[in-house]
Amino acid sequence: MEFFFRRVTVDGHSMVPTYVPGERLTAVRRWRPVRVGDVVVVRDPREPSRWLLKRCVGRHGRGLDLRGDNAQASTDSRDFGLVASRDVVWIVAKHQG
């Protein structure tokens, strides 16, 4: 099942208050273009063995501007630049309440 769905555990404070450390999320394999507002899981462009959880806040051609919801605790596109949309593997499923 991990081909289509993946459980993700939040590590760090970059997405607070939306997601808190230790929270478990379900992500689905990207099947459509990433939209502004989507929360995605992508490899860190600086350290590919590390995964990042970020929100897409802008599209620029085929590049995505990815940011953490907690700007003061986030390393994101402000640090490493735009991320190619093809590099996004997972989109986080919406909370059910």
N, C-alpha and C. Protein backbone atom coordinates (compact mmCIF):
# COMPACT_ATOMS: atom_id res chain seq x y z
N MET A 1 0.80 -1.21 0.00
CA MET A 1 0.00 0.00 0.00
C MET A 1 0.84 1.26 0.00
N GLU A 2 2.10 1.18 0.42
CA GLU A 2 2.93 2.38 0.50
C GLU A 2 3.15 3.02 -0.88
N PHE A 3 2.82 2.31 -1.93
CA PHE A 3 2.95 2.91 -3.25
C PHE A 3 1.94 4.04 -3.42
N PHE A 4 0.73 3.88 -2.86
CA PHE A 4 -0.33 4.87 -3.02
C PHE A 4 -0.51 5.76 -1.80
N PHE A 5 -0.28 5.21 -0.62
CA PHE A 5 -0.47 5.94 0.63
C PHE A 5 0.78 5.81 1.48
N ARG A 6 1.04 6.83 2.27
CA ARG A 6 2.19 6.78 3.16
C ARG A 6 1.84 7.49 4.45
N ARG A 7 2.19 6.89 5.57
CA ARG A 7 2.02 7.54 6.86
C ARG A 7 3.25 8.41 7.10
N VAL A 8 3.02 9.62 7.53
CA VAL A 8 4.09 10.59 7.77
C VAL A 8 3.95 11.08 9.21
N THR A 9 5.05 11.09 9.93
CA THR A 9 5.06 11.64 11.29
C THR A 9 5.73 13.00 11.24
N VAL A 10 5.05 14.01 11.76
CA VAL A 10 5.59 15.37 11.77
C VAL A 10 6.78 15.43 12.71
N ASP A 11 7.88 15.99 12.21
CA ASP A 11 9.10 16.13 12.99
C ASP A 11 9.54 17.58 12.88
N GLY A 12 9.50 18.31 13.96
CA GLY A 12 9.89 19.71 13.92
C GLY A 12 8.68 20.62 14.01
N HIS A 13 8.96 21.92 14.07
CA HIS A 13 7.93 22.93 14.32
C HIS A 13 7.60 23.79 13.11
N SER A 14 8.08 23.45 11.93
CA SER A 14 7.89 24.34 10.77
C SER A 14 6.45 24.45 10.31
N MET A 15 5.59 23.50 10.67
CA MET A 15 4.19 23.55 10.22
C MET A 15 3.20 23.85 11.34
N VAL A 16 3.71 24.22 12.53
CA VAL A 16 2.85 24.63 13.64
C VAL A 16 2.18 25.95 13.25
N PRO A 17 0.92 26.18 13.50
CA PRO A 17 0.00 25.39 14.31
C PRO A 17 -0.80 24.34 13.53
N THR A 18 -0.64 24.28 12.22
CA THR A 18 -1.43 23.34 11.43
C THR A 18 -1.15 21.90 11.82
N TYR A 19 0.12 21.55 11.91
CA TYR A 19 0.55 20.21 12.30
C TYR A 19 1.59 20.35 13.39
N VAL A 20 1.51 19.50 14.41
CA VAL A 20 2.44 19.58 15.54
C VAL A 20 3.37 18.37 15.55
N PRO A 21 4.56 18.52 16.15
CA PRO A 21 5.49 17.41 16.21
C PRO A 21 4.85 16.15 16.79
N GLY A 22 5.10 15.03 16.15
CA GLY A 22 4.55 13.76 16.58
C GLY A 22 3.22 13.40 15.94
N GLU A 23 2.56 14.38 15.35
CA GLU A 23 1.28 14.11 14.69
C GLU A 23 1.50 13.20 13.49
N ARG A 24 0.57 12.26 13.29
CA ARG A 24 0.67 11.32 12.16
C ARG A 24 -0.31 11.73 11.08
N LEU A 25 0.20 11.81 9.86
CA LEU A 25 -0.60 12.23 8.72
C LEU A 25 -0.62 11.14 7.66
N THR A 26 -1.61 11.20 6.80
CA THR A 26 -1.66 10.31 5.65
C THR A 26 -1.39 11.14 4.41
N ALA A 27 -0.44 10.67 3.62
CA ALA A 27 -0.12 11.34 2.36
C ALA A 27 -0.44 10.36 1.23
N VAL A 28 -0.88 10.91 0.11
CA VAL A 28 -1.20 10.10 -1.06
C VAL A 28 -0.21 10.44 -2.17
N ARG A 29 0.12 9.44 -2.98
CA ARG A 29 1.04 9.68 -4.09
C ARG A 29 0.43 10.74 -5.01
N ARG A 30 1.26 11.67 -5.44
CA ARG A 30 0.79 12.78 -6.29
C ARG A 30 0.23 12.21 -7.59
N TRP A 31 -1.01 12.53 -7.86
CA TRP A 31 -1.67 12.05 -9.08
C TRP A 31 -2.15 13.22 -9.95
N ARG A 32 -1.99 14.43 -9.43
CA ARG A 32 -2.42 15.64 -10.12
C ARG A 32 -1.39 16.74 -9.88
N PRO A 33 -1.48 17.83 -10.61
CA PRO A 33 -0.56 18.93 -10.33
C PRO A 33 -0.75 19.46 -8.92
N VAL A 34 0.34 19.91 -8.32
CA VAL A 34 0.28 20.52 -6.99
C VAL A 34 -0.41 21.87 -7.12
N ARG A 35 -1.34 22.12 -6.21
CA ARG A 35 -2.09 23.38 -6.19
C ARG A 35 -1.60 24.25 -5.04
N VAL A 36 -1.75 25.55 -5.22
CA VAL A 36 -1.46 26.47 -4.12
C VAL A 36 -2.37 26.08 -2.95
N GLY A 37 -1.77 25.94 -1.78
CA GLY A 37 -2.50 25.54 -0.59
C GLY A 37 -2.27 24.08 -0.20
N ASP A 38 -1.83 23.26 -1.16
CA ASP A 38 -1.54 21.86 -0.85
C ASP A 38 -0.37 21.76 0.11
N VAL A 39 -0.44 20.80 1.03
CA VAL A 39 0.69 20.46 1.88
C VAL A 39 1.32 19.22 1.25
N VAL A 40 2.63 19.30 1.02
CA VAL A 40 3.32 18.24 0.28
C VAL A 40 4.49 17.69 1.06
N VAL A 41 4.91 16.50 0.64
CA VAL A 41 6.11 15.88 1.18
C VAL A 41 7.10 15.80 0.03
N VAL A 42 8.28 16.34 0.25
CA VAL A 42 9.29 16.43 -0.81
C VAL A 42 10.67 16.21 -0.18
N ARG A 43 11.58 15.68 -0.97
CA ARG A 43 12.96 15.53 -0.48
C ARG A 43 13.60 16.91 -0.34
N ASP A 44 14.39 17.05 0.70
CA ASP A 44 15.12 18.30 0.93
C ASP A 44 16.12 18.48 -0.22
N PRO A 45 16.02 19.58 -0.97
CA PRO A 45 16.94 19.79 -2.10
C PRO A 45 18.41 19.83 -1.68
N ARG A 46 18.69 20.14 -0.40
CA ARG A 46 20.07 20.23 0.07
C ARG A 46 20.56 18.92 0.65
N GLU A 47 19.64 18.07 1.09
CA GLU A 47 19.99 16.81 1.74
C GLU A 47 18.94 15.76 1.36
N PRO A 48 19.08 15.12 0.19
CA PRO A 48 18.04 14.25 -0.37
C PRO A 48 17.62 13.07 0.51
N SER A 49 18.39 12.73 1.53
CA SER A 49 17.98 11.63 2.41
C SER A 49 16.91 12.10 3.41
N ARG A 50 16.67 13.39 3.46
CA ARG A 50 15.73 13.98 4.42
C ARG A 50 14.45 14.40 3.69
N TRP A 51 13.30 14.15 4.32
CA TRP A 51 12.01 14.55 3.76
C TRP A 51 11.52 15.81 4.45
N LEU A 52 10.83 16.69 3.69
CA LEU A 52 10.28 17.93 4.23
C LEU A 52 8.77 17.94 4.05
N LEU A 53 8.08 18.53 5.00
CA LEU A 53 6.63 18.75 4.95
C LEU A 53 6.43 20.25 4.81
N LYS A 54 5.87 20.70 3.68
CA LYS A 54 5.71 22.13 3.42
C LYS A 54 4.41 22.40 2.68
N ARG A 55 3.99 23.66 2.70
CA ARG A 55 2.80 24.09 1.98
C ARG A 55 3.23 24.81 0.69
N CYS A 56 2.53 24.53 -0.39
CA CYS A 56 2.77 25.25 -1.64
C CYS A 56 2.07 26.60 -1.54
N VAL A 57 2.85 27.68 -1.63
CA VAL A 57 2.27 29.02 -1.54
C VAL A 57 2.31 29.75 -2.87
N GLY A 58 2.95 29.15 -3.87
CA GLY A 58 3.00 29.77 -5.18
C GLY A 58 3.55 28.84 -6.24
N ARG A 59 3.08 29.05 -7.46
CA ARG A 59 3.58 28.30 -8.61
C ARG A 59 4.23 29.30 -9.56
N HIS A 60 5.39 28.95 -10.06
CA HIS A 60 6.12 29.81 -10.98
C HIS A 60 6.61 28.92 -12.12
N GLY A 61 5.82 28.82 -13.18
CA GLY A 61 6.14 27.87 -14.23
C GLY A 61 6.06 26.46 -13.67
N ARG A 62 7.16 25.74 -13.78
CA ARG A 62 7.22 24.38 -13.22
C ARG A 62 7.85 24.34 -11.84
N GLY A 63 8.10 25.51 -11.27
CA GLY A 63 8.67 25.59 -9.93
C GLY A 63 7.62 25.91 -8.89
N LEU A 64 7.82 25.37 -7.70
CA LEU A 64 6.89 25.59 -6.60
C LEU A 64 7.59 26.34 -5.48
N ASP A 65 6.89 27.31 -4.91
CA ASP A 65 7.37 28.02 -3.73
C ASP A 65 6.78 27.29 -2.52
N LEU A 66 7.63 26.60 -1.77
CA LEU A 66 7.20 25.81 -0.63
C LEU A 66 7.61 26.52 0.66
N ARG A 67 6.66 26.65 1.58
CA ARG A 67 6.93 27.33 2.84
C ARG A 67 6.35 26.54 4.00
N GLY A 68 6.94 26.73 5.17
CA GLY A 68 6.36 26.21 6.40
C GLY A 68 5.34 27.19 6.91
N ASP A 69 4.32 26.71 7.62
CA ASP A 69 3.29 27.60 8.17
C ASP A 69 3.85 28.46 9.32
N ASN A 70 4.93 28.00 9.93
CA ASN A 70 5.57 28.72 11.02
C ASN A 70 6.88 29.29 10.47
N ALA A 71 6.82 30.48 9.90
CA ALA A 71 7.96 31.06 9.18
C ALA A 71 9.24 31.14 10.01
N GLN A 72 9.10 31.39 11.31
CA GLN A 72 10.29 31.55 12.15
C GLN A 72 11.02 30.23 12.39
N ALA A 73 10.32 29.10 12.22
CA ALA A 73 10.94 27.79 12.50
C ALA A 73 11.11 26.96 11.24
N SER A 74 10.96 27.58 10.07
CA SER A 74 10.96 26.81 8.84
C SER A 74 12.16 27.10 7.95
N THR A 75 12.72 26.03 7.43
CA THR A 75 13.68 26.11 6.34
C THR A 75 12.90 25.72 5.10
N ASP A 76 12.82 26.62 4.13
CA ASP A 76 11.94 26.39 2.99
C ASP A 76 12.46 27.10 1.75
N SER A 77 11.59 27.40 0.80
CA SER A 77 12.02 28.01 -0.46
C SER A 77 12.73 29.33 -0.27
N ARG A 78 12.52 29.99 0.85
CA ARG A 78 13.27 31.23 1.10
C ARG A 78 14.75 30.92 1.28
N ASP A 79 15.06 29.68 1.67
CA ASP A 79 16.45 29.26 1.87
C ASP A 79 17.02 28.51 0.67
N PHE A 80 16.22 27.60 0.07
CA PHE A 80 16.76 26.75 -1.00
C PHE A 80 16.15 27.01 -2.37
N GLY A 81 15.27 27.99 -2.49
CA GLY A 81 14.70 28.33 -3.79
C GLY A 81 13.50 27.47 -4.16
N LEU A 82 13.04 27.67 -5.39
CA LEU A 82 11.88 26.92 -5.88
C LEU A 82 12.23 25.44 -6.02
N VAL A 83 11.21 24.61 -5.90
CA VAL A 83 11.36 23.17 -6.05
C VAL A 83 10.59 22.76 -7.30
N ALA A 84 11.17 21.93 -8.13
CA ALA A 84 10.50 21.47 -9.34
C ALA A 84 9.24 20.69 -8.96
N SER A 85 8.15 20.97 -9.62
CA SER A 85 6.89 20.28 -9.28
C SER A 85 7.02 18.77 -9.45
N ARG A 86 7.85 18.31 -10.37
CA ARG A 86 8.03 16.86 -10.57
C ARG A 86 8.69 16.19 -9.36
N ASP A 87 9.32 16.99 -8.49
CA ASP A 87 9.99 16.43 -7.31
C ASP A 87 9.05 16.16 -6.14
N VAL A 88 7.82 16.64 -6.24
CA VAL A 88 6.85 16.37 -5.18
C VAL A 88 6.29 14.97 -5.39
N VAL A 89 6.47 14.11 -4.40
CA VAL A 89 6.02 12.73 -4.50
C VAL A 89 4.68 12.53 -3.81
N TRP A 90 4.45 13.22 -2.70
CA TRP A 90 3.28 12.99 -1.86
C TRP A 90 2.53 14.28 -1.59
N ILE A 91 1.19 14.18 -1.52
CA ILE A 91 0.32 15.29 -1.10
C ILE A 91 -0.41 14.81 0.15
N VAL A 92 -0.40 15.64 1.18
CA VAL A 92 -1.03 15.27 2.45
C VAL A 92 -2.55 15.33 2.29
N ALA A 93 -3.21 14.27 2.76
CA ALA A 93 -4.67 14.22 2.74
C ALA A 93 -5.22 15.24 3.72
N LYS A 94 -6.37 15.78 3.44
CA LYS A 94 -6.99 16.77 4.31
C LYS A 94 -7.40 16.15 5.63
N HIS A 95 -7.33 16.96 6.70
CA HIS A 95 -7.82 16.51 8.02
C HIS A 95 -9.32 16.27 7.93
N GLN A 96 -9.78 15.26 8.65
CA GLN A 96 -11.20 14.96 8.69
C GLN A 96 -11.88 15.57 9.92
N GLY A 97 -11.17 16.36 10.67
CA GLY A 97 -11.82 17.01 11.79
C GLY A 97 -11.06 16.79 13.03
